[in-house]
Amino acid sequence: RELDRSGSFLKLALDDDGDGSAPVRMKVRQVDEFRFAEELAKPGNPPDCVLLADIPRFRMAEVKSLEEFCLGGTGVVFFGGEQVQASNYNDLLFNKGMGLLPCRLEKPSNQKPDGVYRLQIDQPSFLQPPWKAFALQEDRQSLLAPAFLRAWEVELAPRSAARILATFEMPQKAVDKRLPALVGWQPRLPGATVSSPPVRCQGWVYWFGSTANTDWNNWPAYPS
């Protein structure tokens, strides 16, 4: 089925389909992993944002294309999943803290028989991006309500500039059971200038530790 694909719910959520109801007009293109390299190499204006949902592995040419996009201001968002090959991500994307990915991937957590993870975000974080978009209480409740069965365990490099923007926590569990849920940064890539990238998403790169579809959570059922 169409919605079984890793990125299908993202397209459904982001594409305003020309009805003008979305607060920001977006044109969304969904590309499967087999045509990914071809799409990245096409000439023309770079996308505002690239969302990569449960991609098993990357080739160096694809990584270089993503880095060039990022230097031009394109945002990049990686979503986890069962197919993600940690060694490939760590070697080519994390690259000892000098690549695109803001964290090193360790392993997916086991599904917990006694509970589920919930997103936890500090209240002050709702005053600034990316959580500023959820300023209304009803939007915030919809964001924090979904249940996550599994998530990737990750680790930030020492003295990393990356920020943990949200965590996965189990209610009534110890603090050390928290897992980074959303990690973001503006990577210092070769060729980057001191000033921020000039346009659009400002070259931010994010890692979200669960899936963008219903494989590991029920997030797509919520309007957030």
C-alpha atoms as a PDB file:
ATOM      1  CA  ARG A   1       0.000   0.000   0.000  1.00  0.00           C
ATOM      2  CA  GLU A   2       1.107   3.560  -0.677  1.00  0.00           C
ATOM      3  CA  LEU A   3       1.071   4.606   2.991  1.00  0.00           C
ATOM      4  CA  ASP A   4       3.306   1.680   3.939  1.00  0.00           C
ATOM      5  CA  ARG A   5       6.240   3.492   2.323  1.00  0.00           C
ATOM      6  CA  SER A   6       8.593   5.181   4.782  1.00  0.00           C
ATOM      7  CA  GLY A   7       7.987   8.728   3.564  1.00  0.00           C
ATOM      8  CA  SER A   8       4.343   8.591   2.485  1.00  0.00           C
ATOM      9  CA  PHE A   9       2.898  10.080   5.674  1.00  0.00           C
ATOM     10  CA  LEU A  10       5.398  12.941   5.434  1.00  0.00           C
ATOM     11  CA  LYS A  11       4.188  13.774   1.939  1.00  0.00           C
ATOM     12  CA  LEU A  12       0.578  13.586   3.082  1.00  0.00           C
ATOM     13  CA  ALA A  13       1.269  15.900   6.028  1.00  0.00           C
ATOM     14  CA  LEU A  14       3.351  18.486   4.155  1.00  0.00           C
ATOM     15  CA  ASP A  15       1.736  18.717   0.729  1.00  0.00           C
ATOM     16  CA  ASP A  16      -1.024  21.333   0.661  1.00  0.00           C
ATOM     17  CA  ASP A  17      -2.188  19.874  -2.678  1.00  0.00           C
ATOM     18  CA  GLY A  18      -2.864  23.358  -3.992  1.00  0.00           C
ATOM     19  CA  ASP A  19      -5.797  24.052  -1.661  1.00  0.00           C
ATOM     20  CA  GLY A  20      -4.119  27.037  -0.005  1.00  0.00           C
ATOM     21  CA  SER A  21      -5.006  25.898   3.510  1.00  0.00           C
ATOM     22  CA  ALA A  22      -1.436  25.310   4.709  1.00  0.00           C
ATOM     23  CA  PRO A  23       0.281  28.206   6.556  1.00  0.00           C
ATOM     24  CA  VAL A  24       3.320  27.772   4.285  1.00  0.00           C
ATOM     25  CA  ARG A  25       2.917  26.840   0.634  1.00  0.00           C
ATOM     26  CA  MET A  26       4.937  23.716  -0.150  1.00  0.00           C
ATOM     27  CA  LYS A  27       5.508  21.597  -3.183  1.00  0.00           C
ATOM     28  CA  VAL A  28       6.468  18.087  -2.103  1.00  0.00           C
ATOM     29  CA  ARG A  29       8.169  15.467  -4.228  1.00  0.00           C
ATOM     30  CA  GLN A  30       8.506  11.881  -3.018  1.00  0.00           C
ATOM     31  CA  VAL A  31      11.453   9.938  -4.411  1.00  0.00           C
ATOM     32  CA  ASP A  32      12.259   6.317  -3.684  1.00  0.00           C
ATOM     33  CA  GLU A  33      15.792   5.321  -2.712  1.00  0.00           C
ATOM     34  CA  PHE A  34      16.516   3.790  -6.133  1.00  0.00           C
ATOM     35  CA  ARG A  35      16.138   7.192  -7.851  1.00  0.00           C
ATOM     36  CA  PHE A  36      17.625   9.209  -5.010  1.00  0.00           C
ATOM     37  CA  ALA A  37      21.113   9.718  -6.498  1.00  0.00           C
ATOM     38  CA  GLU A  38      19.607  10.662  -9.857  1.00  0.00           C
ATOM     39  CA  GLU A  39      17.344  13.277  -8.262  1.00  0.00           C
ATOM     40  CA  LEU A  40      20.167  14.804  -6.237  1.00  0.00           C
ATOM     41  CA  ALA A  41      22.274  15.232  -9.357  1.00  0.00           C
ATOM     42  CA  LYS A  42      19.597  17.059 -11.366  1.00  0.00           C
ATOM     43  CA  PRO A  43      20.427  20.686 -12.203  1.00  0.00           C
ATOM     44  CA  GLY A  44      18.187  23.490 -11.034  1.00  0.00           C
ATOM     45  CA  ASN A  45      17.238  25.177  -7.805  1.00  0.00           C
ATOM     46  CA  PRO A  46      18.063  23.097  -4.719  1.00  0.00           C
ATOM     47  CA  PRO A  47      15.157  22.065  -2.475  1.00  0.00           C
ATOM     48  CA  ASP A  48      14.319  23.980   0.684  1.00  0.00           C
ATOM     49  CA  CYS A  49      14.494  20.759   2.693  1.00  0.00           C
ATOM     50  CA  VAL A  50      15.343  17.097   2.121  1.00  0.00           C
ATOM     51  CA  LEU A  51      13.629  14.536   4.366  1.00  0.00           C
ATOM     52  CA  LEU A  52      15.191  11.068   4.417  1.00  0.00           C
ATOM     53  CA  ALA A  53      12.993   8.377   5.955  1.00  0.00           C
ATOM     54  CA  ASP A  54      14.544   5.043   6.943  1.00  0.00           C
ATOM     55  CA  ILE A  55      17.092   5.033   4.100  1.00  0.00           C
ATOM     56  CA  PRO A  56      19.229   1.872   4.516  1.00  0.00           C
ATOM     57  CA  ARG A  57      22.573   3.291   3.371  1.00  0.00           C
ATOM     58  CA  PHE A  58      24.180   6.123   1.435  1.00  0.00           C
ATOM     59  CA  ARG A  59      26.900   6.315  -1.182  1.00  0.00           C
ATOM     60  CA  MET A  60      29.647   8.904  -0.984  1.00  0.00           C
ATOM     61  CA  ALA A  61      28.325  10.754  -4.056  1.00  0.00           C
ATOM     62  CA  GLU A  62      24.940  11.125  -2.356  1.00  0.00           C
ATOM     63  CA  VAL A  63      26.563  12.386   0.839  1.00  0.00           C
ATOM     64  CA  LYS A  64      28.546  14.994  -1.125  1.00  0.00           C
ATOM     65  CA  SER A  65      25.366  16.190  -2.850  1.00  0.00           C
ATOM     66  CA  LEU A  66      23.598  16.548   0.494  1.00  0.00           C
ATOM     67  CA  GLU A  67      26.567  18.475   1.893  1.00  0.00           C
ATOM     68  CA  GLU A  68      26.472  20.874  -1.072  1.00  0.00           C
ATOM     69  CA  PHE A  69      22.751  21.417  -0.543  1.00  0.00           C
ATOM     70  CA  CYS A  70      23.344  22.082   3.139  1.00  0.00           C
ATOM     71  CA  LEU A  71      26.057  24.644   2.412  1.00  0.00           C
ATOM     72  CA  GLY A  72      23.538  26.466   0.216  1.00  0.00           C
ATOM     73  CA  GLY A  73      20.963  26.621   3.001  1.00  0.00           C
ATOM     74  CA  THR A  74      18.917  23.464   2.396  1.00  0.00           C
ATOM     75  CA  GLY A  75      17.687  21.743   5.549  1.00  0.00           C
ATOM     76  CA  VAL A  76      18.187  17.985   5.922  1.00  0.00           C
ATOM     77  CA  VAL A  77      16.167  15.710   8.210  1.00  0.00           C
ATOM     78  CA  PHE A  78      17.047  12.052   8.811  1.00  0.00           C
ATOM     79  CA  PHE A  79      14.429   9.681  10.237  1.00  0.00           C
ATOM     80  CA  GLY A  80      15.362   6.359  11.817  1.00  0.00           C
ATOM     81  CA  GLY A  81      13.901   2.938  11.219  1.00  0.00           C
ATOM     82  CA  GLU A  82      14.590  -0.769  10.943  1.00  0.00           C
ATOM     83  CA  GLN A  83      16.458  -0.487   7.648  1.00  0.00           C
ATOM     84  CA  VAL A  84      19.058   2.069   8.789  1.00  0.00           C
ATOM     85  CA  GLN A  85      22.575   0.612   8.692  1.00  0.00           C
ATOM     86  CA  ALA A  86      24.408   2.274  11.566  1.00  0.00           C
ATOM     87  CA  SER A  87      27.931   1.558  10.315  1.00  0.00           C
ATOM     88  CA  ASN A  88      27.238   3.271   6.978  1.00  0.00           C
ATOM     89  CA  TYR A  89      25.657   6.315   8.633  1.00  0.00           C
ATOM     90  CA  ASN A  90      28.498   6.598  11.137  1.00  0.00           C
ATOM     91  CA  ASP A  91      31.264   6.265   8.538  1.00  0.00           C
ATOM     92  CA  LEU A  92      29.870   8.555   5.825  1.00  0.00           C
ATOM     93  CA  LEU A  93      27.397  10.877   7.548  1.00  0.00           C
ATOM     94  CA  PHE A  94      28.639  11.240  11.131  1.00  0.00           C
ATOM     95  CA  ASN A  95      32.338  10.959  10.181  1.00  0.00           C
ATOM     96  CA  LYS A  96      33.702  11.293  13.749  1.00  0.00           C
ATOM     97  CA  GLY A  97      31.607  14.400  14.356  1.00  0.00           C
ATOM     98  CA  MET A  98      32.796  16.199  11.211  1.00  0.00           C
ATOM     99  CA  GLY A  99      30.011  15.204   8.809  1.00  0.00           C
ATOM    100  CA  LEU A 100      26.345  16.001   8.291  1.00  0.00           C
ATOM    101  CA  LEU A 101      24.811  13.801  10.969  1.00  0.00           C
ATOM    102  CA  PRO A 102      24.706  15.435  14.423  1.00  0.00           C
ATOM    103  CA  CYS A 103      25.071  12.181  16.372  1.00  0.00           C
ATOM    104  CA  ARG A 104      26.567   8.709  16.198  1.00  0.00           C
ATOM    105  CA  LEU A 105      24.076   5.851  15.841  1.00  0.00           C
ATOM    106  CA  GLU A 106      24.371   3.020  18.361  1.00  0.00           C
ATOM    107  CA  LYS A 107      21.415   0.612  18.049  1.00  0.00           C
ATOM    108  CA  PRO A 108      17.610   0.564  17.997  1.00  0.00           C
ATOM    109  CA  SER A 109      16.023   0.119  21.400  1.00  0.00           C
ATOM    110  CA  ASN A 110      14.054  -3.036  22.056  1.00  0.00           C
ATOM    111  CA  GLN A 111      10.279  -2.769  22.158  1.00  0.00           C
ATOM    112  CA  LYS A 112       9.238  -2.383  25.783  1.00  0.00           C
ATOM    113  CA  PRO A 113       6.507  -4.781  26.960  1.00  0.00           C
ATOM    114  CA  ASP A 114       5.719  -2.564  29.947  1.00  0.00           C
ATOM    115  CA  GLY A 115       5.331   0.809  28.305  1.00  0.00           C
ATOM    116  CA  VAL A 116       5.893   3.231  25.438  1.00  0.00           C
ATOM    117  CA  TYR A 117       8.051   6.278  24.895  1.00  0.00           C
ATOM    118  CA  ARG A 118       6.602   9.790  24.764  1.00  0.00           C
ATOM    119  CA  LEU A 119       8.211  12.934  23.415  1.00  0.00           C
ATOM    120  CA  GLN A 120       9.431  15.297  26.121  1.00  0.00           C
ATOM    121  CA  ILE A 121      10.305  18.922  25.350  1.00  0.00           C
ATOM    122  CA  ASP A 122      11.336  21.574  27.867  1.00  0.00           C
ATOM    123  CA  GLN A 123       8.821  24.418  28.190  1.00  0.00           C
ATOM    124  CA  PRO A 124      11.332  27.182  27.256  1.00  0.00           C
ATOM    125  CA  SER A 125      12.039  25.355  23.994  1.00  0.00           C
ATOM    126  CA  PHE A 126       8.560  26.257  22.726  1.00  0.00           C
ATOM    127  CA  LEU A 127       9.705  29.884  22.487  1.00  0.00           C
ATOM    128  CA  GLN A 128      12.159  29.176  19.679  1.00  0.00           C
ATOM    129  CA  PRO A 129      12.385  27.076  16.497  1.00  0.00           C
ATOM    130  CA  PRO A 130      11.620  24.359  15.698  1.00  0.00           C
ATOM    131  CA  TRP A 131       9.062  24.060  18.511  1.00  0.00           C
ATOM    132  CA  LYS A 132       7.831  27.647  18.246  1.00  0.00           C
ATOM    133  CA  ALA A 133       5.370  26.415  15.603  1.00  0.00           C
ATOM    134  CA  PHE A 134       3.576  24.536  18.422  1.00  0.00           C
ATOM    135  CA  ALA A 135       2.877  27.579  20.584  1.00  0.00           C
ATOM    136  CA  LEU A 136      -0.848  26.829  20.859  1.00  0.00           C
ATOM    137  CA  GLN A 137      -1.754  24.409  23.630  1.00  0.00           C
ATOM    138  CA  GLU A 138      -3.825  22.143  21.368  1.00  0.00           C
ATOM    139  CA  ASP A 139      -0.931  21.860  18.920  1.00  0.00           C
ATOM    140  CA  ARG A 140       1.432  21.077  21.762  1.00  0.00           C
ATOM    141  CA  GLN A 141      -0.834  18.340  23.108  1.00  0.00           C
ATOM    142  CA  SER A 142      -1.049  16.752  19.667  1.00  0.00           C
ATOM    143  CA  LEU A 143       2.739  16.824  19.380  1.00  0.00           C
ATOM    144  CA  LEU A 144       3.362  15.165  22.746  1.00  0.00           C
ATOM    145  CA  ALA A 145       0.549  12.581  22.674  1.00  0.00           C
ATOM    146  CA  PRO A 146       1.869   9.950  20.195  1.00  0.00           C
ATOM    147  CA  ALA A 147       3.247   6.664  21.539  1.00  0.00           C
ATOM    148  CA  PHE A 148       6.636   5.424  20.316  1.00  0.00           C
ATOM    149  CA  LEU A 149       7.433   1.728  20.654  1.00  0.00           C
ATOM    150  CA  ARG A 150      11.052   1.876  19.520  1.00  0.00           C
ATOM    151  CA  ALA A 151      13.760   4.483  18.982  1.00  0.00           C
ATOM    152  CA  TRP A 152      17.416   4.630  18.063  1.00  0.00           C
ATOM    153  CA  GLU A 153      20.007   5.025  20.797  1.00  0.00           C
ATOM    154  CA  VAL A 154      22.519   7.685  19.745  1.00  0.00           C
ATOM    155  CA  GLU A 155      25.559   9.471  21.149  1.00  0.00           C
ATOM    156  CA  LEU A 156      26.851  12.988  20.564  1.00  0.00           C
ATOM    157  CA  ALA A 157      30.538  13.604  19.959  1.00  0.00           C
ATOM    158  CA  PRO A 158      32.509  15.221  22.820  1.00  0.00           C
ATOM    159  CA  ARG A 159      32.226  19.025  22.734  1.00  0.00           C
ATOM    160  CA  SER A 160      29.742  18.769  19.867  1.00  0.00           C
ATOM    161  CA  ALA A 161      27.768  21.842  18.841  1.00  0.00           C
ATOM    162  CA  ALA A 162      24.711  19.634  18.287  1.00  0.00           C
ATOM    163  CA  ARG A 163      21.681  20.222  20.494  1.00  0.00           C
ATOM    164  CA  ILE A 164      19.261  17.670  21.906  1.00  0.00           C
ATOM    165  CA  LEU A 165      15.936  19.346  21.136  1.00  0.00           C
ATOM    166  CA  ALA A 166      13.626  16.611  22.436  1.00  0.00           C
ATOM    167  CA  THR A 167      13.908  13.296  24.249  1.00  0.00           C
ATOM    168  CA  PHE A 168      11.988  10.039  24.351  1.00  0.00           C
ATOM    169  CA  GLU A 169      10.966   9.132  27.886  1.00  0.00           C
ATOM    170  CA  MET A 170       8.877   6.450  29.507  1.00  0.00           C
ATOM    171  CA  PRO A 171       6.455   7.767  32.114  1.00  0.00           C
ATOM    172  CA  GLN A 172       7.423   6.696  35.643  1.00  0.00           C
ATOM    173  CA  LYS A 173      10.815   5.446  34.469  1.00  0.00           C
ATOM    174  CA  ALA A 174      14.239   6.543  35.648  1.00  0.00           C
ATOM    175  CA  VAL A 175      15.868   9.600  34.096  1.00  0.00           C
ATOM    176  CA  ASP A 176      18.632   7.436  32.618  1.00  0.00           C
ATOM    177  CA  LYS A 177      16.009   5.780  30.404  1.00  0.00           C
ATOM    178  CA  ARG A 178      15.760   8.950  28.317  1.00  0.00           C
ATOM    179  CA  LEU A 179      16.825   8.719  24.689  1.00  0.00           C
ATOM    180  CA  PRO A 180      17.594  11.700  22.442  1.00  0.00           C
ATOM    181  CA  ALA A 181      14.621  12.044  20.099  1.00  0.00           C
ATOM    182  CA  LEU A 182      15.504  15.079  17.994  1.00  0.00           C
ATOM    183  CA  VAL A 183      19.102  16.223  17.615  1.00  0.00           C
ATOM    184  CA  GLY A 184      19.991  19.210  15.446  1.00  0.00           C
ATOM    185  CA  TRP A 185      22.872  21.422  14.405  1.00  0.00           C
ATOM    186  CA  GLN A 186      24.421  23.516  11.668  1.00  0.00           C
ATOM    187  CA  PRO A 187      27.372  21.318  10.711  1.00  0.00           C
ATOM    188  CA  ARG A 188      30.775  22.880  10.101  1.00  0.00           C
ATOM    189  CA  LEU A 189      31.393  21.312   6.728  1.00  0.00           C
ATOM    190  CA  PRO A 190      34.456  21.903   4.546  1.00  0.00           C
ATOM    191  CA  GLY A 191      33.757  25.048   2.538  1.00  0.00           C
ATOM    192  CA  ALA A 192      31.429  26.559   5.137  1.00  0.00           C
ATOM    193  CA  THR A 193      31.902  30.237   5.942  1.00  0.00           C
ATOM    194  CA  VAL A 194      31.774  31.838   9.382  1.00  0.00           C
ATOM    195  CA  SER A 195      28.355  33.348   8.687  1.00  0.00           C
ATOM    196  CA  SER A 196      25.219  31.230   8.514  1.00  0.00           C
ATOM    197  CA  PRO A 197      24.023  29.887   5.150  1.00  0.00           C
ATOM    198  CA  PRO A 198      22.041  32.642   3.436  1.00  0.00           C
ATOM    199  CA  VAL A 199      18.641  31.162   2.679  1.00  0.00           C
ATOM    200  CA  ARG A 200      15.702  28.973   3.572  1.00  0.00           C
ATOM    201  CA  CYS A 201      16.357  26.416   6.329  1.00  0.00           C
ATOM    202  CA  GLN A 202      19.777  27.887   7.157  1.00  0.00           C
ATOM    203  CA  GLY A 203      21.546  24.590   6.588  1.00  0.00           C
ATOM    204  CA  TRP A 204      20.200  22.912   9.724  1.00  0.00           C
ATOM    205  CA  VAL A 205      20.479  19.123   9.892  1.00  0.00           C
ATOM    206  CA  TYR A 206      18.287  17.032  12.206  1.00  0.00           C
ATOM    207  CA  TRP A 207      18.168  13.423  13.310  1.00  0.00           C
ATOM    208  CA  PHE A 208      14.812  12.059  14.522  1.00  0.00           C
ATOM    209  CA  GLY A 209      15.212   8.732  16.274  1.00  0.00           C
ATOM    210  CA  SER A 210      11.995   6.966  15.281  1.00  0.00           C
ATOM    211  CA  THR A 211      10.181   6.283  12.025  1.00  0.00           C
ATOM    212  CA  ALA A 212       8.187   8.727   9.921  1.00  0.00           C
ATOM    213  CA  ASN A 213       5.469   6.112   9.380  1.00  0.00           C
ATOM    214  CA  THR A 214       3.640   3.714  11.700  1.00  0.00           C
ATOM    215  CA  ASP A 215       6.355   1.035  11.857  1.00  0.00           C
ATOM    216  CA  TRP A 216       7.523   2.147  15.331  1.00  0.00           C
ATOM    217  CA  ASN A 217       4.856   4.610  16.489  1.00  0.00           C
ATOM    218  CA  ASN A 218       1.377   6.030  15.963  1.00  0.00           C
ATOM    219  CA  TRP A 219       2.610   9.567  15.280  1.00  0.00           C
ATOM    220  CA  PRO A 220       0.982   9.844  11.797  1.00  0.00           C
ATOM    221  CA  ALA A 221      -2.450   9.516  13.415  1.00  0.00           C
ATOM    222  CA  TYR A 222      -2.023  12.929  15.089  1.00  0.00           C
ATOM    223  CA  PRO A 223      -2.463  16.281  13.292  1.00  0.00           C
ATOM    224  CA  SER A 224       0.844  17.653  14.625  1.00  0.00           C
END
